């Protein structure tokens, strides 16, 4: 075991302060994985693994896109999309995309 300082916070075994990482992602909604790596002094693969671990713990929910970003999706947004899907008998992909764009907020949280 060893300790390391990251932005004034002590971490064990080089792991970032998980609570700060969770708040960082939740506040920004859409984060570039390389930006997260730079902010928390981690490797890109470690960022992906850490976000996946936080998802498994139920502390974050979201998805990785093909452009190297993580999009945080709140439980309310997941529920809204699920309700919309449940109310449709059949739907076109374009309608589903339009509903997701309407129901999932991509802009950062207002402070």
N, C-alpha and C. Protein backbone atom coordinates (compact mmCIF):
# COMPACT_ATOMS: atom_id res chain seq x y z
N UNK A 1 0.83 -1.19 0.00
CA UNK A 1 0.00 0.00 0.00
C UNK A 1 0.87 1.25 0.00
N UNK A 2 0.49 2.20 -0.78
CA UNK A 2 1.19 3.46 -0.75
C UNK A 2 0.18 4.57 -1.00
N UNK A 3 0.56 5.77 -0.63
CA UNK A 3 -0.33 6.90 -0.82
C UNK A 3 0.27 7.86 -1.83
N UNK A 4 -0.60 8.57 -2.52
CA UNK A 4 -0.17 9.54 -3.51
C UNK A 4 -1.15 10.71 -3.46
N UNK A 5 -0.65 11.90 -3.67
CA UNK A 5 -1.53 13.07 -3.68
C UNK A 5 -1.98 13.38 -5.09
N UNK A 6 -3.27 13.56 -5.27
CA UNK A 6 -3.85 13.97 -6.55
C UNK A 6 -4.69 15.19 -6.26
N UNK A 7 -4.26 16.34 -6.78
CA UNK A 7 -4.98 17.60 -6.56
C UNK A 7 -5.29 17.81 -5.08
N UNK A 8 -4.32 17.51 -4.23
CA UNK A 8 -4.47 17.77 -2.81
C UNK A 8 -5.23 16.69 -2.06
N UNK A 9 -5.70 15.66 -2.74
CA UNK A 9 -6.45 14.60 -2.08
C UNK A 9 -5.60 13.34 -2.04
N UNK A 10 -5.66 12.62 -0.95
CA UNK A 10 -4.86 11.41 -0.80
C UNK A 10 -5.62 10.24 -1.39
N UNK A 11 -4.92 9.44 -2.16
CA UNK A 11 -5.51 8.24 -2.73
C UNK A 11 -4.65 7.05 -2.34
N UNK A 12 -5.24 5.87 -2.32
CA UNK A 12 -4.50 4.65 -2.03
C UNK A 12 -4.27 3.89 -3.32
N UNK A 13 -3.10 3.31 -3.44
CA UNK A 13 -2.75 2.51 -4.61
C UNK A 13 -2.96 3.25 -5.92
N UNK A 14 -2.85 4.54 -5.92
CA UNK A 14 -2.97 5.29 -7.15
C UNK A 14 -4.39 5.45 -7.66
N UNK A 15 -5.39 4.99 -6.90
CA UNK A 15 -6.79 5.13 -7.31
C UNK A 15 -7.25 6.56 -7.06
N UNK A 16 -8.00 7.13 -7.99
CA UNK A 16 -8.49 8.49 -7.77
C UNK A 16 -9.54 8.50 -6.66
N UNK A 17 -9.74 9.65 -6.09
CA UNK A 17 -10.80 9.81 -5.12
C UNK A 17 -12.11 9.54 -5.85
N UNK A 18 -12.74 8.41 -5.56
CA UNK A 18 -13.93 7.99 -6.31
C UNK A 18 -15.06 8.99 -6.21
N UNK A 19 -15.25 9.56 -5.04
CA UNK A 19 -16.36 10.51 -4.87
C UNK A 19 -16.16 11.73 -5.76
N UNK A 20 -14.93 12.21 -5.85
CA UNK A 20 -14.65 13.36 -6.71
C UNK A 20 -14.85 13.00 -8.18
N UNK A 21 -14.47 11.78 -8.56
CA UNK A 21 -14.66 11.32 -9.93
C UNK A 21 -16.16 11.23 -10.26
N UNK A 22 -16.95 10.67 -9.36
CA UNK A 22 -18.39 10.56 -9.58
C UNK A 22 -19.00 11.95 -9.75
N UNK A 23 -18.66 12.88 -8.90
CA UNK A 23 -19.21 14.24 -8.99
C UNK A 23 -18.74 14.94 -10.27
N UNK A 24 -17.50 14.72 -10.65
CA UNK A 24 -16.95 15.30 -11.88
C UNK A 24 -17.78 14.86 -13.08
N UNK A 25 -18.08 13.57 -13.17
CA UNK A 25 -18.84 13.03 -14.29
C UNK A 25 -20.29 13.51 -14.24
N UNK A 26 -20.90 13.45 -13.06
CA UNK A 26 -22.31 13.85 -12.94
C UNK A 26 -22.51 15.33 -13.27
N UNK A 27 -21.60 16.16 -12.86
CA UNK A 27 -21.72 17.60 -13.15
C UNK A 27 -21.60 17.90 -14.63
N UNK A 28 -20.73 17.20 -15.32
CA UNK A 28 -20.44 17.52 -16.72
C UNK A 28 -21.33 16.78 -17.70
N UNK A 29 -21.95 15.68 -17.30
CA UNK A 29 -22.81 14.84 -18.12
C UNK A 29 -22.07 14.11 -19.24
N UNK A 30 -21.30 14.81 -20.04
CA UNK A 30 -20.53 14.21 -21.13
C UNK A 30 -19.06 14.55 -20.89
N UNK A 31 -18.25 13.51 -20.71
CA UNK A 31 -16.83 13.76 -20.45
C UNK A 31 -15.97 13.01 -21.46
N UNK A 32 -14.93 13.68 -21.91
CA UNK A 32 -13.94 13.05 -22.77
C UNK A 32 -13.03 12.23 -21.88
N UNK A 33 -12.81 10.97 -22.24
CA UNK A 33 -12.01 10.08 -21.39
C UNK A 33 -10.58 10.58 -21.22
N UNK A 34 -10.03 11.21 -22.24
CA UNK A 34 -8.68 11.75 -22.12
C UNK A 34 -8.63 12.94 -21.17
N UNK A 35 -9.70 13.75 -21.14
CA UNK A 35 -9.78 14.86 -20.19
C UNK A 35 -9.85 14.33 -18.76
N UNK A 36 -10.64 13.28 -18.56
CA UNK A 36 -10.74 12.67 -17.23
C UNK A 36 -9.37 12.11 -16.82
N UNK A 37 -8.70 11.45 -17.76
CA UNK A 37 -7.38 10.89 -17.48
C UNK A 37 -6.41 11.99 -17.05
N UNK A 38 -6.44 13.12 -17.74
CA UNK A 38 -5.54 14.23 -17.40
C UNK A 38 -5.91 14.83 -16.05
N UNK A 39 -7.19 15.02 -15.81
CA UNK A 39 -7.66 15.62 -14.55
C UNK A 39 -7.29 14.77 -13.34
N UNK A 40 -7.39 13.45 -13.49
CA UNK A 40 -7.16 12.55 -12.37
C UNK A 40 -5.81 11.84 -12.45
N UNK A 41 -4.99 12.26 -13.42
CA UNK A 41 -3.65 11.69 -13.60
C UNK A 41 -3.70 10.16 -13.69
N UNK A 42 -4.52 9.70 -14.63
CA UNK A 42 -4.70 8.27 -14.85
C UNK A 42 -4.43 7.96 -16.32
N UNK A 43 -4.26 6.71 -16.64
CA UNK A 43 -4.19 6.28 -18.02
C UNK A 43 -5.61 6.13 -18.56
N UNK A 44 -5.74 6.25 -19.87
CA UNK A 44 -7.05 6.15 -20.50
C UNK A 44 -7.77 4.85 -20.18
N UNK A 45 -7.03 3.74 -20.26
CA UNK A 45 -7.64 2.44 -19.96
C UNK A 45 -8.09 2.35 -18.51
N UNK A 46 -7.34 2.99 -17.62
CA UNK A 46 -7.72 3.00 -16.20
C UNK A 46 -8.99 3.79 -15.98
N UNK A 47 -9.18 4.87 -16.75
CA UNK A 47 -10.41 5.66 -16.64
C UNK A 47 -11.60 4.81 -17.02
N UNK A 48 -11.49 4.12 -18.15
CA UNK A 48 -12.58 3.25 -18.61
C UNK A 48 -12.89 2.19 -17.56
N UNK A 49 -11.87 1.56 -17.03
CA UNK A 49 -12.06 0.52 -16.01
C UNK A 49 -12.70 1.09 -14.75
N UNK A 50 -12.27 2.29 -14.35
CA UNK A 50 -12.82 2.91 -13.14
C UNK A 50 -14.29 3.26 -13.33
N UNK A 51 -14.64 3.82 -14.50
CA UNK A 51 -16.04 4.16 -14.77
C UNK A 51 -16.90 2.90 -14.82
N UNK A 52 -16.39 1.83 -15.41
CA UNK A 52 -17.13 0.57 -15.45
C UNK A 52 -17.32 0.01 -14.05
N UNK A 53 -16.31 0.13 -13.21
CA UNK A 53 -16.43 -0.34 -11.82
C UNK A 53 -17.48 0.49 -11.06
N UNK A 54 -17.50 1.79 -11.29
CA UNK A 54 -18.49 2.64 -10.64
C UNK A 54 -19.90 2.31 -11.12
N UNK A 55 -20.03 1.93 -12.39
CA UNK A 55 -21.33 1.49 -12.90
C UNK A 55 -21.76 0.20 -12.21
N UNK A 56 -20.84 -0.75 -12.05
CA UNK A 56 -21.16 -2.02 -11.40
C UNK A 56 -21.56 -1.82 -9.94
N UNK A 57 -20.99 -0.80 -9.31
CA UNK A 57 -21.33 -0.47 -7.92
C UNK A 57 -22.64 0.30 -7.83
N UNK A 58 -23.19 0.71 -8.97
CA UNK A 58 -24.44 1.47 -8.98
C UNK A 58 -24.25 2.94 -8.69
N UNK A 59 -23.02 3.43 -8.75
CA UNK A 59 -22.76 4.84 -8.43
C UNK A 59 -22.86 5.74 -9.65
N UNK A 60 -22.73 5.16 -10.85
CA UNK A 60 -22.89 5.89 -12.11
C UNK A 60 -23.66 5.00 -13.08
N UNK A 61 -24.32 5.65 -14.03
CA UNK A 61 -24.91 4.91 -15.14
C UNK A 61 -24.70 5.75 -16.38
N UNK A 62 -24.42 5.08 -17.48
CA UNK A 62 -24.17 5.82 -18.70
C UNK A 62 -23.66 4.90 -19.78
N UNK A 63 -23.06 5.51 -20.78
CA UNK A 63 -22.53 4.73 -21.88
C UNK A 63 -21.29 5.39 -22.46
N UNK A 64 -20.49 4.57 -23.10
CA UNK A 64 -19.29 5.04 -23.79
C UNK A 64 -19.66 5.19 -25.26
N UNK A 65 -19.27 6.31 -25.87
CA UNK A 65 -19.56 6.46 -27.30
C UNK A 65 -18.31 6.16 -28.12
N UNK A 66 -18.47 6.19 -29.42
CA UNK A 66 -17.36 5.83 -30.32
C UNK A 66 -16.32 6.93 -30.45
N UNK A 67 -16.55 8.08 -29.82
CA UNK A 67 -15.61 9.20 -29.90
C UNK A 67 -14.76 9.34 -28.64
N UNK A 68 -14.77 8.31 -27.78
CA UNK A 68 -13.95 8.35 -26.58
C UNK A 68 -14.54 9.20 -25.46
N UNK A 69 -15.86 9.24 -25.41
CA UNK A 69 -16.54 9.99 -24.36
C UNK A 69 -17.42 9.06 -23.53
N UNK A 70 -17.67 9.48 -22.29
CA UNK A 70 -18.62 8.80 -21.42
C UNK A 70 -19.79 9.74 -21.23
N UNK A 71 -21.00 9.24 -21.43
CA UNK A 71 -22.21 10.04 -21.27
C UNK A 71 -22.94 9.53 -20.05
N UNK A 72 -23.04 10.37 -19.03
CA UNK A 72 -23.75 9.99 -17.80
C UNK A 72 -25.25 10.13 -18.03
N UNK A 73 -25.99 9.09 -17.68
CA UNK A 73 -27.44 9.10 -17.82
C UNK A 73 -28.03 8.84 -16.44
N UNK A 74 -28.87 9.75 -15.98
CA UNK A 74 -29.46 9.61 -14.65
C UNK A 74 -30.51 8.51 -14.64
N UNK A 75 -30.86 8.06 -13.46
CA UNK A 75 -31.91 7.05 -13.32
C UNK A 75 -33.24 7.58 -13.85
N UNK A 76 -33.50 8.87 -13.64
CA UNK A 76 -34.73 9.48 -14.14
C UNK A 76 -34.79 9.44 -15.67
N UNK A 77 -33.65 9.70 -16.30
CA UNK A 77 -33.58 9.67 -17.76
C UNK A 77 -33.77 8.23 -18.29
N UNK A 78 -33.16 7.26 -17.62
CA UNK A 78 -33.33 5.86 -18.00
C UNK A 78 -34.80 5.48 -17.88
N UNK A 79 -35.41 5.89 -16.80
CA UNK A 79 -36.83 5.59 -16.57
C UNK A 79 -37.71 6.24 -17.63
N UNK A 80 -37.41 7.50 -17.98
CA UNK A 80 -38.19 8.21 -18.99
C UNK A 80 -38.09 7.52 -20.35
N UNK A 81 -36.89 7.10 -20.71
CA UNK A 81 -36.71 6.39 -21.98
C UNK A 81 -37.45 5.05 -21.93
N UNK A 82 -37.36 4.35 -20.81
CA UNK A 82 -38.07 3.08 -20.66
C UNK A 82 -39.57 3.25 -20.76
N UNK A 83 -40.09 4.29 -20.15
CA UNK A 83 -41.53 4.57 -20.24
C UNK A 83 -41.94 4.86 -21.67
N UNK A 84 -41.11 5.64 -22.36
CA UNK A 84 -41.42 5.96 -23.76
C UNK A 84 -41.44 4.70 -24.61
N UNK A 85 -40.41 3.86 -24.44
CA UNK A 85 -40.33 2.62 -25.21
C UNK A 85 -41.54 1.73 -24.89
N UNK A 86 -41.91 1.66 -23.62
CA UNK A 86 -43.06 0.84 -23.21
C UNK A 86 -44.38 1.33 -23.78
N UNK A 87 -44.45 2.62 -24.09
CA UNK A 87 -45.70 3.17 -24.61
C UNK A 87 -45.83 3.00 -26.12
N UNK A 88 -44.77 2.53 -26.77
CA UNK A 88 -44.76 2.37 -28.22
C UNK A 88 -44.98 0.90 -28.59
N UNK A 89 -45.84 0.66 -29.57
CA UNK A 89 -46.00 -0.72 -30.03
C UNK A 89 -44.85 -1.08 -30.98
N UNK A 90 -44.54 -0.16 -31.87
CA UNK A 90 -43.41 -0.30 -32.78
C UNK A 90 -42.88 1.10 -33.03
N UNK A 91 -41.61 1.19 -33.30
CA UNK A 91 -41.05 2.52 -33.54
C UNK A 91 -39.87 2.43 -34.50
N UNK A 92 -39.70 3.48 -35.25
CA UNK A 92 -38.55 3.57 -36.15
C UNK A 92 -37.34 4.05 -35.36
N UNK A 93 -36.18 3.70 -35.84
CA UNK A 93 -34.94 4.13 -35.19
C UNK A 93 -34.89 5.65 -35.06
N UNK A 94 -35.31 6.35 -36.10
CA UNK A 94 -35.28 7.82 -36.07
C UNK A 94 -36.17 8.36 -34.95
N UNK A 95 -37.32 7.73 -34.72
CA UNK A 95 -38.22 8.17 -33.64
C UNK A 95 -37.60 7.89 -32.27
N UNK A 96 -36.93 6.75 -32.15
CA UNK A 96 -36.26 6.42 -30.90
C UNK A 96 -35.14 7.42 -30.60
N UNK A 97 -34.35 7.74 -31.60
CA UNK A 97 -33.27 8.71 -31.44
C UNK A 97 -33.83 10.07 -31.06
N UNK A 98 -34.90 10.49 -31.71
CA UNK A 98 -35.52 11.78 -31.38
C UNK A 98 -36.03 11.79 -29.94
N UNK A 99 -36.63 10.68 -29.50
CA UNK A 99 -37.11 10.60 -28.11
C UNK A 99 -35.95 10.66 -27.12
N UNK A 100 -34.87 9.95 -27.41
CA UNK A 100 -33.70 9.98 -26.53
C UNK A 100 -33.11 11.39 -26.48
N UNK A 101 -33.04 12.05 -27.61
CA UNK A 101 -32.52 13.42 -27.64
C UNK A 101 -33.38 14.36 -26.82
N UNK A 102 -34.66 14.09 -26.77
CA UNK A 102 -35.58 14.93 -26.00
C UNK A 102 -35.53 14.59 -24.49
N UNK A 103 -35.35 13.32 -24.17
CA UNK A 103 -35.47 12.86 -22.78
C UNK A 103 -34.14 12.85 -22.02
N UNK A 104 -33.02 12.77 -22.73
CA UNK A 104 -31.71 12.71 -22.07
C UNK A 104 -31.01 14.04 -22.24
N UNK A 105 -30.71 14.68 -21.11
CA UNK A 105 -30.02 15.97 -21.12
C UNK A 105 -28.53 15.72 -21.31
N UNK A 106 -27.94 16.45 -22.26
CA UNK A 106 -26.51 16.29 -22.53
C UNK A 106 -25.69 17.49 -22.04
N UNK A 107 -26.35 18.54 -21.62
CA UNK A 107 -25.62 19.73 -21.16
C UNK A 107 -25.23 19.55 -19.69
N UNK A 108 -24.15 20.22 -19.27
CA UNK A 108 -23.70 20.10 -17.87
C UNK A 108 -24.75 20.58 -16.89
N UNK A 109 -24.68 20.04 -15.70
CA UNK A 109 -25.60 20.44 -14.63
C UNK A 109 -25.34 21.88 -14.24
N UNK A 110 -26.42 22.58 -13.95
CA UNK A 110 -26.26 23.97 -13.51
C UNK A 110 -25.83 23.97 -12.06
N UNK A 111 -24.83 24.76 -11.76
CA UNK A 111 -24.28 24.79 -10.38
C UNK A 111 -25.02 25.79 -9.54
